[in-house]
PDB file of N, CA and C in Angstrom:
ATOM      1  N   MET A   1     -39.430 -28.239  87.811  1.00  0.00           N
ATOM      2  CA  MET A   1     -39.728 -27.611  86.542  1.00  0.00           C
ATOM      3  C   MET A   1     -40.149 -28.682  85.556  1.00  0.00           C
ATOM      4  N   GLY A   2     -41.163 -28.400  84.772  1.00  0.00           N
ATOM      5  CA  GLY A   2     -41.644 -29.394  83.830  1.00  0.00           C
ATOM      6  C   GLY A   2     -42.018 -28.776  82.502  1.00  0.00           C
ATOM      7  N   LEU A   3     -42.333 -29.637  81.571  1.00  0.00           N
ATOM      8  CA  LEU A   3     -42.744 -29.222  80.241  1.00  0.00           C
ATOM      9  C   LEU A   3     -44.070 -29.913  79.928  1.00  0.00           C
ATOM     10  N   PRO A   4     -45.124 -29.161  79.638  1.00  0.00           N
ATOM     11  CA  PRO A   4     -46.393 -29.811  79.306  1.00  0.00           C
ATOM     12  C   PRO A   4     -46.290 -30.523  77.956  1.00  0.00           C
ATOM     13  N   VAL A   5     -46.687 -31.785  77.945  1.00  0.00           N
ATOM     14  CA  VAL A   5     -46.622 -32.608  76.737  1.00  0.00           C
ATOM     15  C   VAL A   5     -47.967 -33.284  76.531  1.00  0.00           C
ATOM     16  N   GLU A   6     -48.452 -33.266  75.304  1.00  0.00           N
ATOM     17  CA  GLU A   6     -49.676 -33.992  74.952  1.00  0.00           C
ATOM     18  C   GLU A   6     -49.312 -35.266  74.214  1.00  0.00           C
ATOM     19  N   MET A   7     -49.992 -36.349  74.567  1.00  0.00           N
ATOM     20  CA  MET A   7     -49.885 -37.602  73.822  1.00  0.00           C
ATOM     21  C   MET A   7     -51.119 -37.661  72.930  1.00  0.00           C
ATOM     22  N   ASN A   8     -50.939 -37.520  71.643  1.00  0.00           N
ATOM     23  CA  ASN A   8     -52.059 -37.497  70.711  1.00  0.00           C
ATOM     24  C   ASN A   8     -52.137 -38.808  69.943  1.00  0.00           C
ATOM     25  N   THR A   9     -53.322 -39.416  69.936  1.00  0.00           N
ATOM     26  CA  THR A   9     -53.519 -40.656  69.185  1.00  0.00           C
ATOM     27  C   THR A   9     -54.376 -40.431  67.947  1.00  0.00           C
ATOM     28  N   VAL A  10     -54.675 -39.165  67.656  1.00  0.00           N
ATOM     29  CA  VAL A  10     -55.299 -38.766  66.398  1.00  0.00           C
ATOM     30  C   VAL A  10     -54.523 -37.567  65.880  1.00  0.00           C
ATOM     31  N   LEU A  11     -54.622 -37.316  64.593  1.00  0.00           N
ATOM     32  CA  LEU A  11     -54.001 -36.137  64.001  1.00  0.00           C
ATOM     33  C   LEU A  11     -55.120 -35.183  63.598  1.00  0.00           C
ATOM     34  N   LYS A  12     -55.350 -34.175  64.430  1.00  0.00           N
ATOM     35  CA  LYS A  12     -56.411 -33.192  64.194  1.00  0.00           C
ATOM     36  C   LYS A  12     -55.762 -31.925  63.661  1.00  0.00           C
ATOM     37  N   LEU A  13     -56.128 -31.564  62.437  1.00  0.00           N
ATOM     38  CA  LEU A  13     -55.497 -30.435  61.773  1.00  0.00           C
ATOM     39  C   LEU A  13     -56.526 -29.506  61.144  1.00  0.00           C
ATOM     40  N   SER A  14     -56.226 -28.238  61.158  1.00  0.00           N
ATOM     41  CA  SER A  14     -56.957 -27.262  60.354  1.00  0.00           C
ATOM     42  C   SER A  14     -56.182 -27.099  59.043  1.00  0.00           C
ATOM     43  N   ALA A  15     -56.752 -26.382  58.103  1.00  0.00           N
ATOM     44  CA  ALA A  15     -56.054 -26.125  56.845  1.00  0.00           C
ATOM     45  C   ALA A  15     -54.744 -25.378  57.118  1.00  0.00           C
ATOM     46  N   LYS A  16     -54.768 -24.450  58.056  1.00  0.00           N
ATOM     47  CA  LYS A  16     -53.581 -23.668  58.393  1.00  0.00           C
ATOM     48  C   LYS A  16     -52.474 -24.552  58.976  1.00  0.00           C
ATOM     49  N   GLN A  17     -52.861 -25.622  59.667  1.00  0.00           N
ATOM     50  CA  GLN A  17     -51.892 -26.520  60.290  1.00  0.00           C
ATOM     51  C   GLN A  17     -51.384 -27.597  59.331  1.00  0.00           C
ATOM     52  N   GLY A  18     -52.009 -27.727  58.165  1.00  0.00           N
ATOM     53  CA  GLY A  18     -51.519 -28.682  57.183  1.00  0.00           C
ATOM     54  C   GLY A  18     -52.521 -29.675  56.645  1.00  0.00           C
ATOM     55  N   LEU A  19     -53.806 -29.545  57.021  1.00  0.00           N
ATOM     56  CA  LEU A  19     -54.811 -30.458  56.475  1.00  0.00           C
ATOM     57  C   LEU A  19     -55.035 -30.112  55.003  1.00  0.00           C
ATOM     58  N   PRO A  20     -54.785 -31.054  54.099  1.00  0.00           N
ATOM     59  CA  PRO A  20     -54.992 -30.761  52.678  1.00  0.00           C
ATOM     60  C   PRO A  20     -56.479 -30.603  52.358  1.00  0.00           C
ATOM     61  N   THR A  21     -56.778 -29.751  51.396  1.00  0.00           N
ATOM     62  CA  THR A  21     -58.158 -29.519  50.973  1.00  0.00           C
ATOM     63  C   THR A  21     -58.780 -30.783  50.404  1.00  0.00           C
ATOM     64  N   ALA A  22     -58.030 -31.481  49.595  1.00  0.00           N
ATOM     65  CA  ALA A  22     -58.491 -32.740  48.995  1.00  0.00           C
ATOM     66  C   ALA A  22     -57.401 -33.788  49.206  1.00  0.00           C
ATOM     67  N   PRO A  23     -57.367 -34.419  50.390  1.00  0.00           N
ATOM     68  CA  PRO A  23     -56.293 -35.375  50.680  1.00  0.00           C
ATOM     69  C   PRO A  23     -56.297 -36.551  49.713  1.00  0.00           C
ATOM     70  N   GLN A  24     -55.102 -36.974  49.343  1.00  0.00           N
ATOM     71  CA  GLN A  24     -54.922 -38.092  48.427  1.00  0.00           C
ATOM     72  C   GLN A  24     -54.095 -39.177  49.107  1.00  0.00           C
ATOM     73  N   PRO A  25     -54.485 -40.441  48.936  1.00  0.00           N
ATOM     74  CA  PRO A  25     -53.700 -41.535  49.515  1.00  0.00           C
ATOM     75  C   PRO A  25     -52.268 -41.554  48.984  1.00  0.00           C
ATOM     76  N   ASP A  26     -51.357 -41.950  49.854  1.00  0.00           N
ATOM     77  CA  ASP A  26     -49.940 -42.143  49.541  1.00  0.00           C
ATOM     78  C   ASP A  26     -49.191 -40.858  49.201  1.00  0.00           C
ATOM     79  N   VAL A  27     -49.769 -39.710  49.496  1.00  0.00           N
ATOM     80  CA  VAL A  27     -49.076 -38.435  49.340  1.00  0.00           C
ATOM     81  C   VAL A  27     -48.571 -38.012  50.714  1.00  0.00           C
ATOM     82  N   VAL A  28     -47.345 -37.508  50.771  1.00  0.00           N
ATOM     83  CA  VAL A  28     -46.773 -37.049  52.030  1.00  0.00           C
ATOM     84  C   VAL A  28     -47.114 -35.573  52.212  1.00  0.00           C
ATOM     85  N   TYR A  29     -47.648 -35.251  53.367  1.00  0.00           N
ATOM     86  CA  TYR A  29     -48.007 -33.883  53.717  1.00  0.00           C
ATOM     87  C   TYR A  29     -47.246 -33.473  54.967  1.00  0.00           C
ATOM     88  N   GLU A  30     -47.081 -32.182  55.144  1.00  0.00           N
ATOM     89  CA  GLU A  30     -46.426 -31.657  56.335  1.00  0.00           C
ATOM     90  C   GLU A  30     -47.462 -31.016  57.244  1.00  0.00           C
ATOM     91  N   PHE A  31     -47.208 -31.064  58.550  1.00  0.00           N
ATOM     92  CA  PHE A  31     -48.105 -30.411  59.508  1.00  0.00           C
ATOM     93  C   PHE A  31     -47.293 -29.661  60.548  1.00  0.00           C
ATOM     94  N   GLN A  32     -47.938 -28.694  61.184  1.00  0.00           N
ATOM     95  CA  GLN A  32     -47.338 -27.973  62.297  1.00  0.00           C
ATOM     96  C   GLN A  32     -48.420 -27.629  63.299  1.00  0.00           C
ATOM     97  N   LYS A  33     -48.163 -27.942  64.559  1.00  0.00           N
ATOM     98  CA  LYS A  33     -49.104 -27.686  65.642  1.00  0.00           C
ATOM     99  C   LYS A  33     -48.383 -26.904  66.736  1.00  0.00           C
ATOM    100  N   ASP A  34     -49.101 -26.021  67.402  1.00  0.00           N
ATOM    101  CA  ASP A  34     -48.555 -25.353  68.570  1.00  0.00           C
ATOM    102  C   ASP A  34     -48.447 -26.352  69.711  1.00  0.00           C
ATOM    103  N   GLY A  35     -47.490 -26.156  70.575  1.00  0.00           N
ATOM    104  CA  GLY A  35     -47.358 -27.009  71.744  1.00  0.00           C
ATOM    105  C   GLY A  35     -46.477 -28.222  71.509  1.00  0.00           C
ATOM    106  N   THR A  36     -46.157 -28.871  72.605  1.00  0.00           N
ATOM    107  CA  THR A  36     -45.315 -30.060  72.597  1.00  0.00           C
ATOM    108  C   THR A  36     -46.211 -31.294  72.551  1.00  0.00           C
ATOM    109  N   ARG A  37     -46.077 -32.072  71.488  1.00  0.00           N
ATOM    110  CA  ARG A  37     -46.957 -33.222  71.280  1.00  0.00           C
ATOM    111  C   ARG A  37     -46.143 -34.439  70.846  1.00  0.00           C
ATOM    112  N   PHE A  38     -46.631 -35.604  71.238  1.00  0.00           N
ATOM    113  CA  PHE A  38     -46.054 -36.856  70.780  1.00  0.00           C
ATOM    114  C   PHE A  38     -47.140 -37.651  70.066  1.00  0.00           C
ATOM    115  N   TYR A  39     -46.748 -38.339  68.995  1.00  0.00           N
ATOM    116  CA  TYR A  39     -47.667 -39.129  68.187  1.00  0.00           C
ATOM    117  C   TYR A  39     -47.096 -40.528  67.989  1.00  0.00           C
ATOM    118  N   PRO A  40     -47.953 -41.526  67.805  1.00  0.00           N
ATOM    119  CA  PRO A  40     -47.442 -42.851  67.426  1.00  0.00           C
ATOM    120  C   PRO A  40     -46.902 -42.796  65.997  1.00  0.00           C
ATOM    121  N   LEU A  41     -45.789 -43.428  65.777  1.00  0.00           N
ATOM    122  CA  LEU A  41     -45.176 -43.441  64.443  1.00  0.00           C
ATOM    123  C   LEU A  41     -45.443 -44.765  63.744  1.00  0.00           C
ATOM    124  N   GLY A  42     -45.706 -44.687  62.447  1.00  0.00           N
ATOM    125  CA  GLY A  42     -45.792 -45.883  61.625  1.00  0.00           C
ATOM    126  C   GLY A  42     -47.061 -46.696  61.736  1.00  0.00           C
ATOM    127  N   VAL A  43     -48.063 -46.194  62.464  1.00  0.00           N
ATOM    128  CA  VAL A  43     -49.333 -46.905  62.571  1.00  0.00           C
ATOM    129  C   VAL A  43     -50.467 -45.963  62.167  1.00  0.00           C
ATOM    130  N   PRO A  44     -51.525 -46.477  61.578  1.00  0.00           N
ATOM    131  CA  PRO A  44     -52.630 -45.603  61.176  1.00  0.00           C
ATOM    132  C   PRO A  44     -53.319 -44.947  62.377  1.00  0.00           C
ATOM    133  N   VAL A  45     -53.555 -43.653  62.255  1.00  0.00           N
ATOM    134  CA  VAL A  45     -54.327 -42.890  63.238  1.00  0.00           C
ATOM    135  C   VAL A  45     -55.418 -42.145  62.482  1.00  0.00           C
ATOM    136  N   GLU A  46     -56.437 -41.717  63.211  1.00  0.00           N
ATOM    137  CA  GLU A  46     -57.515 -40.981  62.570  1.00  0.00           C
ATOM    138  C   GLU A  46     -57.015 -39.592  62.172  1.00  0.00           C
ATOM    139  N   LEU A  47     -57.367 -39.186  60.962  1.00  0.00           N
ATOM    140  CA  LEU A  47     -57.087 -37.842  60.463  1.00  0.00           C
ATOM    141  C   LEU A  47     -58.384 -37.059  60.586  1.00  0.00           C
ATOM    142  N   ILE A  48     -58.342 -36.003  61.393  1.00  0.00           N
ATOM    143  CA  ILE A  48     -59.549 -35.271  61.750  1.00  0.00           C
ATOM    144  C   ILE A  48     -59.372 -33.806  61.379  1.00  0.00           C
ATOM    145  N   GLY A  49     -60.418 -33.213  60.822  1.00  0.00           N
ATOM    146  CA  GLY A  49     -60.381 -31.804  60.456  1.00  0.00           C
ATOM    147  C   GLY A  49     -60.562 -30.902  61.661  1.00  0.00           C
ATOM    148  N   GLY A  50     -60.321 -29.624  61.458  1.00  0.00           N
ATOM    149  CA  GLY A  50     -60.457 -28.642  62.517  1.00  0.00           C
ATOM    150  C   GLY A  50     -61.851 -28.579  63.115  1.00  0.00           C
ATOM    151  N   ASP A  51     -62.835 -29.074  62.370  1.00  0.00           N
ATOM    152  CA  ASP A  51     -64.224 -29.098  62.847  1.00  0.00           C
ATOM    153  C   ASP A  51     -64.559 -30.401  63.585  1.00  0.00           C
ATOM    154  N   TRP A  52     -63.551 -31.199  63.870  1.00  0.00           N
ATOM    155  CA  TRP A  52     -63.691 -32.483  64.559  1.00  0.00           C
ATOM    156  C   TRP A  52     -64.408 -33.536  63.715  1.00  0.00           C
ATOM    157  N   LYS A  53     -64.425 -33.382  62.406  1.00  0.00           N
ATOM    158  CA  LYS A  53     -65.015 -34.406  61.543  1.00  0.00           C
ATOM    159  C   LYS A  53     -63.901 -35.249  60.933  1.00  0.00           C
ATOM    160  N   THR A  54     -64.108 -36.557  60.966  1.00  0.00           N
ATOM    161  CA  THR A  54     -63.101 -37.490  60.482  1.00  0.00           C
ATOM    162  C   THR A  54     -62.949 -37.394  58.970  1.00  0.00           C
ATOM    163  N   VAL A  55     -61.705 -37.353  58.535  1.00  0.00           N
ATOM    164  CA  VAL A  55     -61.377 -37.287  57.112  1.00  0.00           C
ATOM    165  C   VAL A  55     -60.965 -38.662  56.608  1.00  0.00           C
ATOM    166  N   GLY A  56     -60.187 -39.385  57.416  1.00  0.00           N
ATOM    167  CA  GLY A  56     -59.695 -40.698  57.011  1.00  0.00           C
ATOM    168  C   GLY A  56     -58.654 -41.198  57.992  1.00  0.00           C
ATOM    169  N   LYS A  57     -57.710 -41.954  57.459  1.00  0.00           N
ATOM    170  CA  LYS A  57     -56.615 -42.510  58.262  1.00  0.00           C
ATOM    171  C   LYS A  57     -55.293 -41.992  57.703  1.00  0.00           C
ATOM    172  N   ALA A  58     -54.351 -41.747  58.595  1.00  0.00           N
ATOM    173  CA  ALA A  58     -53.024 -41.273  58.200  1.00  0.00           C
ATOM    174  C   ALA A  58     -51.972 -41.995  59.017  1.00  0.00           C
ATOM    175  N   VAL A  59     -50.777 -42.074  58.465  1.00  0.00           N
ATOM    176  CA  VAL A  59     -49.629 -42.616  59.173  1.00  0.00           C
ATOM    177  C   VAL A  59     -48.630 -41.470  59.333  1.00  0.00           C
ATOM    178  N   ILE A  60     -48.261 -41.193  60.560  1.00  0.00           N
ATOM    179  CA  ILE A  60     -47.262 -40.168  60.830  1.00  0.00           C
ATOM    180  C   ILE A  60     -45.895 -40.820  60.673  1.00  0.00           C
ATOM    181  N   ASP A  61     -45.106 -40.280  59.754  1.00  0.00           N
ATOM    182  CA  ASP A  61     -43.796 -40.856  59.458  1.00  0.00           C
ATOM    183  C   ASP A  61     -42.700 -40.259  60.326  1.00  0.00           C
ATOM    184  N   GLU A  62     -42.851 -38.986  60.688  1.00  0.00           N
ATOM    185  CA  GLU A  62     -41.839 -38.342  61.525  1.00  0.00           C
ATOM    186  C   GLU A  62     -42.422 -37.083  62.140  1.00  0.00           C
ATOM    187  N   PHE A  63     -41.861 -36.693  63.273  1.00  0.00           N
ATOM    188  CA  PHE A  63     -42.216 -35.408  63.860  1.00  0.00           C
ATOM    189  C   PHE A  63     -41.040 -34.888  64.672  1.00  0.00           C
ATOM    190  N   THR A  64     -40.985 -33.575  64.789  1.00  0.00           N
ATOM    191  CA  THR A  64     -39.941 -32.897  65.540  1.00  0.00           C
ATOM    192  C   THR A  64     -40.611 -32.015  66.575  1.00  0.00           C
ATOM    193  N   VAL A  65     -40.120 -32.086  67.797  1.00  0.00           N
ATOM    194  CA  VAL A  65     -40.724 -31.358  68.904  1.00  0.00           C
ATOM    195  C   VAL A  65     -39.751 -30.284  69.394  1.00  0.00           C
ATOM    196  N   THR A  66     -40.283 -29.075  69.596  1.00  0.00           N
ATOM    197  CA  THR A  66     -39.539 -28.024  70.281  1.00  0.00           C
ATOM    198  C   THR A  66     -40.352 -27.641  71.516  1.00  0.00           C
ATOM    199  N   THR A  67     -39.877 -26.696  72.264  1.00  0.00           N
ATOM    200  CA  THR A  67     -40.619 -26.280  73.447  1.00  0.00           C
ATOM    201  C   THR A  67     -41.876 -25.496  73.088  1.00  0.00           C
ATOM    202  N   GLU A  68     -42.005 -25.068  71.836  1.00  0.00           N
ATOM    203  CA  GLU A  68     -43.150 -24.256  71.435  1.00  0.00           C
ATOM    204  C   GLU A  68     -44.050 -24.892  70.385  1.00  0.00           C
ATOM    205  N   SER A  69     -43.528 -25.851  69.618  1.00  0.00           N
ATOM    206  CA  SER A  69     -44.349 -26.417  68.545  1.00  0.00           C
ATOM    207  C   SER A  69     -43.892 -27.825  68.181  1.00  0.00           C
ATOM    208  N   THR A  70     -44.744 -28.471  67.403  1.00  0.00           N
ATOM    209  CA  THR A  70     -44.466 -29.806  66.878  1.00  0.00           C
ATOM    210  C   THR A  70     -44.747 -29.772  65.382  1.00  0.00           C
ATOM    211  N   CYS A  71     -43.809 -30.231  64.584  1.00  0.00           N
ATOM    212  CA  CYS A  71     -44.032 -30.310  63.139  1.00  0.00           C
ATOM    213  C   CYS A  71     -43.637 -31.703  62.669  1.00  0.00           C
ATOM    214  N   GLY A  72     -44.206 -32.112  61.548  1.00  0.00           N
ATOM    215  CA  GLY A  72     -43.897 -33.447  61.071  1.00  0.00           C
ATOM    216  C   GLY A  72     -44.450 -33.707  59.691  1.00  0.00           C
ATOM    217  N   LYS A  73     -44.374 -34.980  59.310  1.00  0.00           N
ATOM    218  CA  LYS A  73     -44.844 -35.433  58.000  1.00  0.00           C
ATOM    219  C   LYS A  73     -45.773 -36.626  58.199  1.00  0.00           C
ATOM    220  N   PHE A  74     -46.828 -36.657  57.392  1.00  0.00           N
ATOM    221  CA  PHE A  74     -47.767 -37.774  57.447  1.00  0.00           C
ATOM    222  C   PHE A  74     -48.185 -38.166  56.049  1.00  0.00           C
ATOM    223  N   ARG A  75     -48.605 -39.422  55.924  1.00  0.00           N
ATOM    224  CA  ARG A  75     -49.151 -39.958  54.676  1.00  0.00           C
ATOM    225  C   ARG A  75     -50.600 -40.315  54.904  1.00  0.00           C
ATOM    226  N   VAL A  76     -51.449 -39.941  53.989  1.00  0.00           N
ATOM    227  CA  VAL A  76     -52.842 -40.374  54.034  1.00  0.00           C
ATOM    228  C   VAL A  76     -52.885 -41.798  53.491  1.00  0.00           C
ATOM    229  N   VAL A  77     -53.466 -42.711  54.268  1.00  0.00           N
ATOM    230  CA  VAL A  77     -53.570 -44.097  53.813  1.00  0.00           C
ATOM    231  C   VAL A  77     -55.003 -44.474  53.449  1.00  0.00           C
ATOM    232  N   LYS A  78     -55.979 -43.663  53.890  1.00  0.00           N
ATOM    233  CA  LYS A  78     -57.381 -43.927  53.567  1.00  0.00           C
ATOM    234  C   LYS A  78     -58.150 -42.620  53.674  1.00  0.00           C
ATOM    235  N   VAL A  79     -58.851 -42.281  52.617  1.00  0.00           N
ATOM    236  CA  VAL A  79     -59.779 -41.152  52.650  1.00  0.00           C
ATOM    237  C   VAL A  79     -61.171 -41.753  52.762  1.00  0.00           C
ATOM    238  N   PHE A  80     -61.892 -41.384  53.822  1.00  0.00           N
ATOM    239  CA  PHE A  80     -63.220 -41.937  54.037  1.00  0.00           C
ATOM    240  C   PHE A  80     -64.224 -41.364  53.051  1.00  0.00           C
ATOM    241  N   THR A  81     -65.157 -42.196  52.623  1.00  0.00           N
ATOM    242  CA  THR A  81     -66.317 -41.703  51.885  1.00  0.00           C
ATOM    243  C   THR A  81     -67.190 -40.940  52.879  1.00  0.00           C
ATOM    244  N   ALA A  82     -68.167 -40.212  52.378  1.00  0.00           N
ATOM    245  CA  ALA A  82     -69.073 -39.471  53.268  1.00  0.00           C
ATOM    246  C   ALA A  82     -69.788 -40.424  54.224  1.00  0.00           C
ATOM    247  N   GLU A  83     -70.173 -41.603  53.732  1.00  0.00           N
ATOM    248  CA  GLU A  83     -70.875 -42.571  54.570  1.00  0.00           C
ATOM    249  C   GLU A  83     -69.955 -43.135  55.648  1.00  0.00           C
ATOM    250  N   GLU A  84     -68.700 -43.450  55.276  1.00  0.00           N
ATOM    251  CA  GLU A  84     -67.741 -43.964  56.261  1.00  0.00           C
ATOM    252  C   GLU A  84     -67.449 -42.915  57.329  1.00  0.00           C
ATOM    253  N   ALA A  85     -67.249 -41.671  56.908  1.00  0.00           N
ATOM    254  CA  ALA A  85     -66.959 -40.596  57.859  1.00  0.00           C
ATOM    255  C   ALA A  85     -68.122 -40.411  58.822  1.00  0.00           C
ATOM    256  N   LYS A  86     -69.345 -40.424  58.317  1.00  0.00           N
ATOM    257  CA  LYS A  86     -70.520 -40.261  59.175  1.00  0.00           C
ATOM    258  C   LYS A  86     -70.599 -41.403  60.181  1.00  0.00           C
ATOM    259  N   ALA A  87     -70.419 -42.641  59.715  1.00  0.00           N
ATOM    260  CA  ALA A  87     -70.488 -43.797  60.611  1.00  0.00           C
ATOM    261  C   ALA A  87     -69.400 -43.701  61.684  1.00  0.00           C
ATOM    262  N   PHE A  88     -68.213 -43.333  61.295  1.00  0.00           N
ATOM    263  CA  PHE A  88     -67.128 -43.226  62.249  1.00  0.00           C
ATOM    264  C   PHE A  88     -67.410 -42.120  63.262  1.00  0.00           C
ATOM    265  N   ASN A  89     -67.843 -40.966  62.783  1.00  0.00           N
ATOM    266  CA  ASN A  89     -68.140 -39.852  63.686  1.00  0.00           C
ATOM    267  C   ASN A  89     -69.276 -40.192  64.642  1.00  0.00           C
ATOM    268  N   ASP A  90     -70.300 -40.890  64.147  1.00  0.00           N
ATOM    269  CA  ASP A  90     -71.435 -41.261  64.999  1.00  0.00           C
ATOM    270  C   ASP A  90     -71.008 -42.182  66.140  1.00  0.00           C
ATOM    271  N   VAL A  91     -69.972 -42.991  65.915  1.00  0.00           N
ATOM    272  CA  VAL A  91     -69.527 -43.944  66.927  1.00  0.00           C
ATOM    273  C   VAL A  91     -68.635 -43.284  67.973  1.00  0.00           C
ATOM    274  N   TRP A  92     -67.688 -42.477  67.552  1.00  0.00           N
ATOM    275  CA  TRP A  92     -66.688 -42.028  68.519  1.00  0.00           C
ATOM    276  C   TRP A  92     -66.831 -40.599  69.002  1.00  0.00           C
ATOM    277  N   ARG A  93     -67.519 -39.745  68.304  1.00  0.00           N
ATOM    278  CA  ARG A  93     -67.608 -38.338  68.726  1.00  0.00           C
ATOM    279  C   ARG A  93     -68.560 -38.166  69.894  1.00  0.00           C
ATOM    280  N   ALA A  94     -68.133 -37.398  70.863  1.00  0.00           N
ATOM    281  CA  ALA A  94     -68.970 -37.072  71.999  1.00  0.00           C
ATOM    282  C   ALA A  94     -70.022 -36.044  71.572  1.00  0.00           C
ATOM    283  N   ASP A  95     -71.115 -35.990  72.281  1.00  0.00           N
ATOM    284  CA  ASP A  95     -72.190 -35.048  71.949  1.00  0.00           C
ATOM    285  C   ASP A  95     -71.753 -33.600  72.046  1.00  0.00           C
ATOM    286  N   TRP A  96     -70.769 -33.307  72.867  1.00  0.00           N
ATOM    287  CA  TRP A  96     -70.365 -31.917  73.075  1.00  0.00           C
ATOM    288  C   TRP A  96     -69.457 -31.399  71.978  1.00  0.00           C
ATOM    289  N   ILE A  97     -68.952 -32.255  71.087  1.00  0.00           N
ATOM    290  CA  ILE A  97     -68.053 -31.791  70.022  1.00  0.00           C
ATOM    291  C   ILE A  97     -68.869 -31.214  68.885  1.00  0.00           C
TER     292      ILE A  97
END
């Protein structure tokens, strides 16, 4: 018997899951995702919108995992300008996204 677990190295959120409309640096936000997920703590990860477009960088401070969902808190450490987001997306996004 096993439990499916995802190891996520980015924080991809929709507005419903906790992506702020206008993210601000150094503000703590809460998120909730379906499924069992693990995230790196205390290091910057990419903050990505539900449309797979990069918003900036965030640090996940804590998360709690249950068998059905994962919730936690993150801080935005960098909000990308439109030019930075485009450059970042052009480098790492696959053509199929």
